[in-house]
């Protein structure tokens, strides 16, 4: 254990810069109510250590692990794990900028990480607490996502979201398609072959569609690559070949009539899936949890194979220690225990949080046949997929500059908008937004 002086040097003083938070687009709705949060730090300097607060959202951590952690550290710290409802990021940033009731440990959603990283001075650099000694235990690409441009590590990995091909075994068999997982992986290993399977599916079983909507192609193709919409030098790259290719493949799926007219998550879409009319999904590991909880009637009908070309990632979150925490070493001890291989395996069982620790893939809990997927060991698909994710730079401006393109491809898929007009409109919107954000085009 280091001396108080060493800890102070490692952690540094609290520097809550509202300008910095707003510059990265983190202001959100600053007026968001924080009613009911009677725990946490009453002053900017955090808790006393005996009263340590953890913020997360429903499904962000497995319930079993949270309860075990509270019990494990009960004799040394009163850990209060609080589920925050509503718009989580907005509430966290509102609390940090208000310098009151700041949690000691804060969950950070993966999709928001790019906007937290420019504000690394709001969080403890986990390297100062010994994080590097744990690095080899976690997926390299996932570990890198928690490191800011200045080299500080602000976030410790929770889960990841490797994408795979979830399909209904009997429907594929009836359509004359490959239906055993290994065969689906081998024979539908390109987008062209996947689309051809969709054409055969539609022909053999009229009214059956390969894809729910066009964004299911576009988002996954972009996420398979090593580039997004803005590079490290703050240049807009959403008009480059990797995005154009994703756009073109999406249009091809539309042209071949492989898309349904349904909207994901609606009662009609759920009903069509249960009935086998939408028997194929390119879904992240957490989608298995959604299927089990939302479509229990389909138990035993599903199998999982690798997605075409290579795996993508969709989702996965982190834990951070805020500068308000008075006992960062104790908080780090808690985090590293919560996120060890055994507890990550339990998180997958409880909440579909696929481990970012490869050692978990060989544990007994994740080697059990899953009856929902016909007795398949799903880790044999998601584990290798997680280890093959391409490393991509995530810019804090990706969301703002990717959204116009996603909106316009959706207009093509749903409204039938002319693709050339849609692309032109998307690029015009991106130019305006880039100029506003100071991103070169």
Protein backbone atom coordinates (compact mmCIF):
# COMPACT_ATOMS: atom_id res chain seq x y z
CA UNK A 1 0.00 0.00 0.00
CA UNK A 2 1.35 3.38 -1.00
CA UNK A 3 1.55 6.40 1.26
CA UNK A 4 -1.14 9.11 1.18
CA UNK A 5 1.35 11.41 -0.54
CA UNK A 6 1.99 8.88 -3.31
CA UNK A 7 -1.72 8.38 -3.79
CA UNK A 8 -2.30 12.13 -4.04
CA UNK A 9 0.39 12.41 -6.70
CA UNK A 10 -1.01 9.49 -8.64
CA UNK A 11 -4.60 10.60 -8.55
CA UNK A 12 -4.10 14.35 -8.79
CA UNK A 13 -6.47 17.10 -7.87
CA UNK A 14 -10.09 17.31 -8.96
CA UNK A 15 -10.33 19.33 -12.14
CA UNK A 16 -13.92 19.42 -13.31
CA UNK A 17 -13.95 21.53 -16.44
CA UNK A 18 -17.46 22.18 -17.70
CA UNK A 19 -16.02 23.71 -20.88
CA UNK A 20 -14.08 20.53 -21.55
CA UNK A 21 -17.12 18.37 -21.05
CA UNK A 22 -19.29 20.50 -23.28
CA UNK A 23 -16.60 20.76 -25.95
CA UNK A 24 -16.76 16.98 -26.40
CA UNK A 25 -20.55 17.07 -26.59
CA UNK A 26 -21.05 15.69 -23.10
CA UNK A 27 -23.27 18.41 -21.75
CA UNK A 28 -26.40 16.48 -22.66
CA UNK A 29 -29.47 17.67 -20.84
CA UNK A 30 -27.81 19.34 -17.88
CA UNK A 31 -31.13 19.89 -16.22
CA UNK A 32 -31.80 16.15 -15.92
CA UNK A 33 -33.24 15.43 -12.49
CA UNK A 34 -31.22 13.34 -10.08
CA UNK A 35 -34.05 12.79 -7.68
CA UNK A 36 -33.79 9.86 -5.31
CA UNK A 37 -30.01 9.66 -5.30
CA UNK A 38 -29.54 10.10 -1.59
CA UNK A 39 -26.22 8.27 -1.57
CA UNK A 40 -22.90 9.12 -3.12
CA UNK A 41 -20.54 11.99 -2.42
CA UNK A 42 -22.10 15.08 -0.97
CA UNK A 43 -18.99 17.11 -1.87
CA UNK A 44 -16.65 17.10 -4.87
CA UNK A 45 -13.94 15.19 -3.03
CA UNK A 46 -15.93 11.97 -3.00
CA UNK A 47 -16.74 9.44 -0.36
CA UNK A 48 -14.85 8.48 2.77
CA UNK A 49 -14.05 5.02 1.51
CA UNK A 50 -16.44 3.46 4.01
CA UNK A 51 -19.28 4.78 1.87
CA UNK A 52 -18.36 3.96 -1.73
CA UNK A 53 -20.87 4.41 -4.54
CA UNK A 54 -21.01 2.57 -7.85
CA UNK A 55 -23.23 3.79 -10.67
CA UNK A 56 -24.39 1.56 -13.52
CA UNK A 57 -27.50 0.96 -15.61
CA UNK A 58 -29.94 -1.92 -15.80
CA UNK A 59 -28.15 -4.78 -17.55
CA UNK A 60 -24.77 -3.07 -17.29
CA UNK A 61 -23.54 -5.58 -14.71
CA UNK A 62 -24.76 -9.03 -13.74
CA UNK A 63 -26.92 -9.03 -10.59
CA UNK A 64 -25.12 -12.02 -9.10
CA UNK A 65 -21.72 -10.36 -9.43
CA UNK A 66 -22.97 -7.10 -7.91
CA UNK A 67 -24.40 -8.94 -4.88
CA UNK A 68 -21.22 -11.01 -4.45
CA UNK A 69 -19.08 -7.87 -4.62
CA UNK A 70 -21.14 -6.03 -2.02
CA UNK A 71 -20.89 -9.05 0.29
CA UNK A 72 -17.17 -9.62 -0.32
CA UNK A 73 -16.18 -6.08 0.67
CA UNK A 74 -18.79 -5.59 3.36
CA UNK A 75 -16.21 -5.66 6.17
CA UNK A 76 -14.03 -2.94 4.60
CA UNK A 77 -16.37 -0.69 2.67
CA UNK A 78 -20.07 0.05 2.42
CA UNK A 79 -20.36 -0.39 -1.35
CA UNK A 80 -23.65 0.91 -2.68
CA UNK A 81 -24.31 -0.20 -6.25
CA UNK A 82 -27.03 1.98 -7.75
CA UNK A 83 -28.85 1.38 -11.03
CA UNK A 84 -29.41 4.71 -12.75
CA UNK A 85 -32.46 4.86 -14.98
CA UNK A 86 -33.12 7.08 -17.97
CA UNK A 87 -30.36 8.72 -19.99
CA UNK A 88 -27.39 7.44 -18.07
CA UNK A 89 -24.61 9.50 -19.65
CA UNK A 90 -26.50 12.76 -19.20
CA UNK A 91 -27.07 12.06 -15.50
CA UNK A 92 -23.43 11.12 -14.93
CA UNK A 93 -22.11 14.26 -16.66
CA UNK A 94 -24.66 16.48 -14.90
CA UNK A 95 -23.48 15.11 -11.58
CA UNK A 96 -19.79 15.53 -12.41
CA UNK A 97 -20.18 19.08 -13.66
CA UNK A 98 -22.34 19.95 -10.63
CA UNK A 99 -19.59 18.67 -8.29
CA UNK A 100 -22.05 16.95 -5.98
CA UNK A 101 -22.92 13.32 -5.25
CA UNK A 102 -20.36 12.06 -7.73
CA UNK A 103 -20.05 8.27 -7.75
CA UNK A 104 -16.67 6.78 -6.84
CA UNK A 105 -16.95 4.11 -9.52
CA UNK A 106 -18.90 4.84 -12.69
CA UNK A 107 -19.92 2.56 -15.51
CA UNK A 108 -19.26 3.97 -18.98
CA UNK A 109 -21.21 2.67 -21.94
CA UNK A 110 -19.08 1.55 -24.86
CA UNK A 111 -20.92 3.70 -27.39
CA UNK A 112 -20.10 6.77 -25.28
CA UNK A 113 -16.39 6.06 -24.72
CA UNK A 114 -15.17 8.26 -27.57
CA UNK A 115 -16.80 11.28 -25.93
CA UNK A 116 -15.41 10.52 -22.45
CA UNK A 117 -11.81 10.08 -23.60
CA UNK A 118 -11.10 13.79 -24.33
CA UNK A 119 -12.01 14.45 -20.69
CA UNK A 120 -9.52 12.02 -19.20
CA UNK A 121 -8.65 14.49 -16.45
CA UNK A 122 -12.07 13.82 -14.90
CA UNK A 123 -11.07 10.22 -14.18
CA UNK A 124 -8.26 8.43 -12.37
CA UNK A 125 -5.54 7.11 -14.70
CA UNK A 126 -5.83 3.42 -13.91
CA UNK A 127 -2.21 2.82 -14.89
CA UNK A 128 -1.18 4.64 -11.71
CA UNK A 129 -3.02 1.95 -9.75
CA UNK A 130 -1.33 -0.97 -11.50
CA UNK A 131 -3.68 -1.60 -14.42
CA UNK A 132 -0.86 -2.65 -16.76
CA UNK A 133 -0.33 -5.82 -14.71
CA UNK A 134 -3.83 -6.95 -15.81
CA UNK A 135 -3.52 -6.01 -19.50
CA UNK A 136 -2.56 -9.47 -20.79
CA UNK A 137 -5.75 -10.96 -19.31
CA UNK A 138 -8.06 -8.90 -21.55
CA UNK A 139 -8.79 -8.62 -25.26
CA UNK A 140 -6.19 -6.22 -26.68
CA UNK A 141 -8.62 -4.24 -28.84
CA UNK A 142 -11.05 -3.86 -25.92
CA UNK A 143 -8.29 -2.70 -23.57
CA UNK A 144 -7.21 -0.04 -26.07
CA UNK A 145 -10.71 1.44 -26.20
CA UNK A 146 -10.31 2.66 -22.63
CA UNK A 147 -7.10 4.59 -23.30
CA UNK A 148 -7.19 8.32 -24.09
CA UNK A 149 -5.03 10.10 -26.66
CA UNK A 150 -2.77 11.34 -23.84
CA UNK A 151 -2.01 7.73 -22.92
CA UNK A 152 -4.00 7.65 -19.70
CA UNK A 153 -6.33 4.73 -19.07
CA UNK A 154 -9.70 5.90 -17.83
CA UNK A 155 -11.79 2.77 -18.24
CA UNK A 156 -11.47 -0.91 -17.30
CA UNK A 157 -13.15 -3.50 -19.59
CA UNK A 158 -16.45 -5.08 -18.66
CA UNK A 159 -17.92 -6.94 -21.63
CA UNK A 160 -17.74 -6.90 -25.41
CA UNK A 161 -20.30 -7.51 -28.15
CA UNK A 162 -18.95 -9.84 -30.86
CA UNK A 163 -21.45 -10.15 -33.70
CA UNK A 164 -22.38 -13.56 -35.10
CA UNK A 165 -25.02 -15.08 -37.38
CA UNK A 166 -28.05 -16.24 -35.39
CA UNK A 167 -30.41 -18.31 -37.53
CA UNK A 168 -33.34 -20.71 -37.26
CA UNK A 169 -32.13 -24.22 -38.00
CA UNK A 170 -35.34 -25.75 -39.35
CA UNK A 171 -36.20 -22.79 -41.59
CA UNK A 172 -32.77 -22.92 -43.22
CA UNK A 173 -33.13 -26.70 -43.69
CA UNK A 174 -36.53 -26.33 -45.34
CA UNK A 175 -35.12 -23.69 -47.69
CA UNK A 176 -32.38 -26.06 -48.82
CA UNK A 177 -29.67 -23.96 -47.23
CA UNK A 178 -26.73 -25.07 -45.08
CA UNK A 179 -28.17 -25.53 -41.61
CA UNK A 180 -25.48 -27.00 -39.37
CA UNK A 181 -23.44 -24.21 -37.70
CA UNK A 182 -20.10 -25.26 -39.19
CA UNK A 183 -21.62 -25.47 -42.66
CA UNK A 184 -23.32 -22.08 -42.35
CA UNK A 185 -20.00 -20.55 -41.27
CA UNK A 186 -18.10 -22.10 -44.19
CA UNK A 187 -20.66 -21.68 -46.96
CA UNK A 188 -22.06 -18.24 -46.12
CA UNK A 189 -18.67 -16.64 -45.45
CA UNK A 190 -19.03 -13.65 -47.81
CA UNK A 191 -21.72 -11.03 -48.18
CA UNK A 192 -22.40 -12.25 -51.72
CA UNK A 193 -22.99 -15.83 -50.50
CA UNK A 194 -25.10 -14.56 -47.61
CA UNK A 195 -27.27 -12.56 -50.01
CA UNK A 196 -27.57 -15.57 -52.34
CA UNK A 197 -28.85 -17.57 -49.37
CA UNK A 198 -31.39 -14.82 -48.78
CA UNK A 199 -32.58 -15.01 -52.38
CA UNK A 200 -33.02 -18.79 -52.10
CA UNK A 201 -34.79 -18.40 -48.76
CA UNK A 202 -37.26 -15.99 -50.31
CA UNK A 203 -37.84 -18.22 -53.35
CA UNK A 204 -38.33 -21.47 -51.44
CA UNK A 205 -40.33 -19.95 -48.57
CA UNK A 206 -42.33 -16.96 -49.88
CA UNK A 207 -42.86 -14.20 -47.34
CA UNK A 208 -39.61 -15.04 -45.58
CA UNK A 209 -36.84 -12.43 -45.49
CA UNK A 210 -33.15 -12.63 -44.69
CA UNK A 211 -32.89 -9.19 -43.11
CA UNK A 212 -35.25 -7.00 -41.14
CA UNK A 213 -33.87 -3.70 -42.42
CA UNK A 214 -31.10 -2.11 -44.44
CA UNK A 215 -29.14 -0.82 -41.45
CA UNK A 216 -28.47 -4.42 -40.45
CA UNK A 217 -26.09 -4.56 -43.40
CA UNK A 218 -24.67 -1.04 -43.29
CA UNK A 219 -23.78 -0.90 -39.58
CA UNK A 220 -22.23 -4.37 -39.55
CA UNK A 221 -20.09 -3.80 -42.63
CA UNK A 222 -18.72 -0.54 -41.21
CA UNK A 223 -18.11 -2.19 -37.84
CA UNK A 224 -16.14 -4.99 -39.48
CA UNK A 225 -13.45 -2.56 -40.60
CA UNK A 226 -10.64 -0.55 -39.06
CA UNK A 227 -12.10 2.87 -39.88
CA UNK A 228 -15.21 4.76 -38.91
CA UNK A 229 -16.14 8.37 -39.78
CA UNK A 230 -13.38 10.59 -38.35
CA UNK A 231 -9.68 9.76 -38.07
CA UNK A 232 -7.13 10.60 -35.36
CA UNK A 233 -6.16 13.79 -37.17
CA UNK A 234 -9.75 15.04 -36.98
CA UNK A 235 -10.46 14.50 -40.67
CA UNK A 236 -13.86 13.38 -41.93
CA UNK A 237 -13.46 10.01 -43.66
CA UNK A 238 -17.11 9.04 -44.01
CA UNK A 239 -16.90 9.62 -47.76
CA UNK A 240 -14.11 7.11 -48.25
CA UNK A 241 -14.13 3.62 -49.72
CA UNK A 242 -14.92 1.72 -46.52
CA UNK A 243 -18.20 3.62 -46.06
CA UNK A 244 -19.00 3.60 -49.79
CA UNK A 245 -18.59 -0.19 -49.81
CA UNK A 246 -20.97 -0.55 -46.86
CA UNK A 247 -23.44 1.71 -48.65
CA UNK A 248 -23.18 -0.31 -51.88
CA UNK A 249 -23.71 -3.64 -50.11
CA UNK A 250 -26.76 -2.22 -48.35
CA UNK A 251 -28.21 -1.10 -51.68
CA UNK A 252 -27.59 -4.56 -53.11
CA UNK A 253 -29.59 -6.17 -50.31
CA UNK A 254 -32.40 -3.74 -51.09
CA UNK A 255 -32.17 -4.39 -54.84
CA UNK A 256 -32.44 -8.14 -54.34
CA UNK A 257 -35.53 -7.77 -52.15
CA UNK A 258 -33.92 -9.32 -49.09
CA UNK A 259 -35.28 -6.72 -46.65
CA UNK A 260 -38.59 -6.90 -44.82
CA UNK A 261 -40.80 -3.85 -44.42
CA UNK A 262 -40.82 -4.25 -40.65
CA UNK A 263 -39.13 -2.14 -37.99
CA UNK A 264 -36.83 -3.84 -35.49
CA UNK A 265 -38.33 -4.17 -32.01
CA UNK A 266 -41.95 -3.70 -33.03
CA UNK A 267 -44.63 -6.29 -32.21
CA UNK A 268 -44.94 -7.18 -35.91
CA UNK A 269 -41.20 -7.79 -36.22
CA UNK A 270 -41.14 -9.92 -33.07
CA UNK A 271 -44.14 -11.92 -34.29
CA UNK A 272 -42.53 -12.49 -37.70
CA UNK A 273 -39.35 -13.71 -36.04
CA UNK A 274 -41.25 -16.13 -33.78
CA UNK A 275 -43.09 -17.46 -36.85
CA UNK A 276 -39.86 -18.06 -38.75
CA UNK A 277 -40.45 -15.29 -41.30
CA UNK A 278 -37.27 -13.51 -40.17
CA UNK A 279 -35.02 -16.50 -39.45
CA UNK A 280 -31.65 -14.76 -39.69
CA UNK A 281 -30.06 -12.11 -37.50
CA UNK A 282 -26.57 -10.65 -37.47
CA UNK A 283 -26.58 -9.97 -33.76
CA UNK A 284 -24.14 -9.30 -30.96
CA UNK A 285 -23.65 -11.76 -28.13
CA UNK A 286 -26.13 -9.86 -25.98
CA UNK A 287 -28.82 -10.55 -28.61
CA UNK A 288 -28.96 -14.11 -27.28
CA UNK A 289 -30.25 -12.72 -23.99
CA UNK A 290 -32.84 -10.64 -25.87
CA UNK A 291 -34.07 -13.70 -27.77
CA UNK A 292 -34.38 -15.77 -24.61
CA UNK A 293 -36.23 -13.06 -22.69
CA UNK A 294 -38.38 -11.75 -25.54
CA UNK A 295 -39.03 -14.82 -27.70
CA UNK A 296 -39.10 -17.75 -25.29
CA UNK A 297 -41.37 -19.69 -27.67
CA UNK A 298 -38.46 -20.08 -30.10
CA UNK A 299 -36.37 -22.10 -27.64
CA UNK A 300 -34.43 -24.82 -29.42
CA UNK A 301 -35.01 -23.37 -32.89
CA UNK A 302 -31.87 -21.20 -33.10
CA UNK A 303 -28.24 -21.93 -33.91
CA UNK A 304 -25.22 -19.63 -34.14
CA UNK A 305 -22.54 -19.42 -36.84
CA UNK A 306 -19.84 -16.90 -37.69
CA UNK A 307 -21.03 -13.84 -39.62
CA UNK A 308 -19.90 -13.23 -43.23
CA UNK A 309 -16.30 -12.07 -43.86
CA UNK A 310 -15.19 -11.39 -40.29
CA UNK A 311 -16.74 -10.53 -36.93
CA UNK A 312 -17.85 -7.05 -35.98
CA UNK A 313 -18.37 -5.67 -32.49
CA UNK A 314 -21.53 -4.03 -31.22
CA UNK A 315 -21.57 -2.83 -27.63
CA UNK A 316 -19.60 -3.59 -24.50
CA UNK A 317 -18.92 -1.29 -21.58
CA UNK A 318 -16.38 -0.21 -18.95
CA UNK A 319 -15.86 0.77 -15.32
CA UNK A 320 -14.04 3.95 -14.33
CA UNK A 321 -12.91 5.62 -11.10
CA UNK A 322 -13.82 9.29 -10.90
CA UNK A 323 -11.48 11.91 -9.46
CA UNK A 324 -14.04 12.34 -6.67
CA UNK A 325 -13.07 9.00 -5.18
CA UNK A 326 -11.04 9.33 -1.96
CA UNK A 327 -10.00 5.67 -1.94
CA UNK A 328 -8.97 4.94 -5.55
CA UNK A 329 -6.81 1.96 -4.62
CA UNK A 330 -9.72 0.31 -2.83
CA UNK A 331 -12.01 1.13 -5.77
CA UNK A 332 -9.50 -0.41 -8.18
CA UNK A 333 -9.32 -3.55 -6.06
CA UNK A 334 -13.11 -3.81 -6.29
CA UNK A 335 -13.16 -3.26 -10.04
CA UNK A 336 -10.48 -5.82 -10.84
CA UNK A 337 -12.19 -8.44 -8.71
CA UNK A 338 -15.59 -7.76 -10.29
CA UNK A 339 -14.08 -8.08 -13.75
CA UNK A 340 -12.04 -11.24 -13.25
CA UNK A 341 -12.67 -14.19 -15.58
CA UNK A 342 -15.02 -16.08 -13.26
CA UNK A 343 -17.20 -13.05 -12.58
CA UNK A 344 -17.30 -12.08 -16.25
CA UNK A 345 -18.50 -15.60 -17.04
CA UNK A 346 -21.27 -15.14 -14.47
CA UNK A 347 -22.16 -11.80 -16.07
CA UNK A 348 -22.72 -13.56 -19.38
CA UNK A 349 -24.99 -16.13 -17.74
CA UNK A 350 -26.97 -13.46 -15.89
CA UNK A 351 -27.20 -10.67 -18.45
CA UNK A 352 -25.63 -11.73 -21.75
CA UNK A 353 -22.46 -9.70 -21.08
CA UNK A 354 -19.88 -11.53 -23.15
CA UNK A 355 -16.50 -11.62 -21.33
CA UNK A 356 -13.58 -9.46 -22.41
CA UNK A 357 -11.32 -11.96 -20.58
CA UNK A 358 -10.46 -14.90 -22.91
CA UNK A 359 -9.71 -17.10 -19.89
CA UNK A 360 -13.44 -17.09 -19.17
CA UNK A 361 -14.19 -18.92 -22.42
CA UNK A 362 -12.77 -22.17 -21.03
CA UNK A 363 -14.56 -22.03 -17.69
CA UNK A 364 -17.20 -24.61 -16.90
CA UNK A 365 -20.02 -22.04 -16.82
CA UNK A 366 -19.42 -21.16 -20.48
CA UNK A 367 -18.87 -24.72 -21.69
CA UNK A 368 -22.41 -25.88 -20.97
CA UNK A 369 -24.66 -26.75 -23.93
CA UNK A 370 -27.37 -24.12 -24.37
CA UNK A 371 -30.82 -25.68 -24.91
CA UNK A 372 -32.16 -22.45 -26.39
CA UNK A 373 -29.67 -22.96 -29.23
CA UNK A 374 -30.29 -26.65 -29.68
CA UNK A 375 -27.60 -27.70 -27.23
CA UNK A 376 -24.90 -25.68 -28.98
CA UNK A 377 -21.99 -24.31 -26.92
CA UNK A 378 -22.34 -20.68 -27.99
CA UNK A 379 -18.96 -19.71 -26.58
CA UNK A 380 -17.37 -21.70 -29.40
CA UNK A 381 -18.70 -19.05 -31.79
CA UNK A 382 -18.53 -15.85 -29.78
CA UNK A 383 -15.14 -16.61 -28.19
CA UNK A 384 -13.15 -16.87 -31.44
CA UNK A 385 -15.16 -13.96 -32.87
CA UNK A 386 -14.25 -11.72 -29.93
CA UNK A 387 -10.56 -12.44 -30.49
CA UNK A 388 -10.74 -11.50 -34.18
CA UNK A 389 -12.33 -8.04 -33.85
CA UNK A 390 -10.53 -5.40 -35.92
CA UNK A 391 -9.10 -2.47 -33.97
CA UNK A 392 -10.70 0.79 -35.05
CA UNK A 393 -10.13 4.35 -33.86
CA UNK A 394 -13.25 5.75 -32.20
CA UNK A 395 -13.48 9.52 -32.54
CA UNK A 396 -15.68 11.66 -30.27
CA UNK A 397 -17.16 12.99 -33.52
CA UNK A 398 -18.08 9.62 -35.03
CA UNK A 399 -21.65 9.64 -33.76
CA UNK A 400 -22.43 13.13 -35.05
CA UNK A 401 -20.88 12.50 -38.46
CA UNK A 402 -22.07 8.93 -38.88
CA UNK A 403 -25.70 9.60 -38.09
CA UNK A 404 -26.60 11.54 -41.29
CA UNK A 405 -25.28 8.63 -43.37
CA UNK A 406 -27.22 6.08 -41.33
CA UNK A 407 -30.37 8.22 -41.57
CA UNK A 408 -30.10 8.47 -45.34
CA UNK A 409 -29.45 4.77 -45.94
CA UNK A 410 -32.53 4.12 -43.81
CA UNK A 411 -34.48 6.52 -46.02
CA UNK A 412 -33.44 4.41 -48.99
CA UNK A 413 -34.44 1.16 -47.30
CA UNK A 414 -37.71 2.26 -45.72
CA UNK A 415 -38.95 5.16 -47.87
CA UNK A 416 -37.45 4.15 -51.21
CA UNK A 417 -35.49 7.38 -51.57
CA UNK A 418 -33.23 7.62 -54.60
CA UNK A 419 -29.79 6.31 -53.48
CA UNK A 420 -27.81 9.00 -55.32
CA UNK A 421 -29.94 11.75 -53.81
CA UNK A 422 -29.64 10.11 -50.37
CA UNK A 423 -25.83 9.93 -50.59
CA UNK A 424 -25.63 13.55 -51.77
CA UNK A 425 -27.89 14.71 -48.92
CA UNK A 426 -25.85 12.73 -46.40
CA UNK A 427 -22.59 14.28 -47.54
CA UNK A 428 -24.09 17.79 -47.47
CA UNK A 429 -25.26 17.28 -43.89
CA UNK A 430 -21.86 15.88 -42.92
CA UNK A 431 -20.06 18.88 -44.38
CA UNK A 432 -22.22 21.27 -42.36
CA UNK A 433 -21.77 19.31 -39.16
CA UNK A 434 -18.02 18.89 -39.73
CA UNK A 435 -17.61 22.61 -40.19
CA UNK A 436 -19.54 23.30 -37.00
CA UNK A 437 -17.42 20.81 -35.03
CA UNK A 438 -14.11 21.95 -36.47
CA UNK A 439 -13.54 18.67 -38.30
CA UNK A 440 -11.75 19.07 -41.62
CA UNK A 441 -13.44 17.64 -44.69
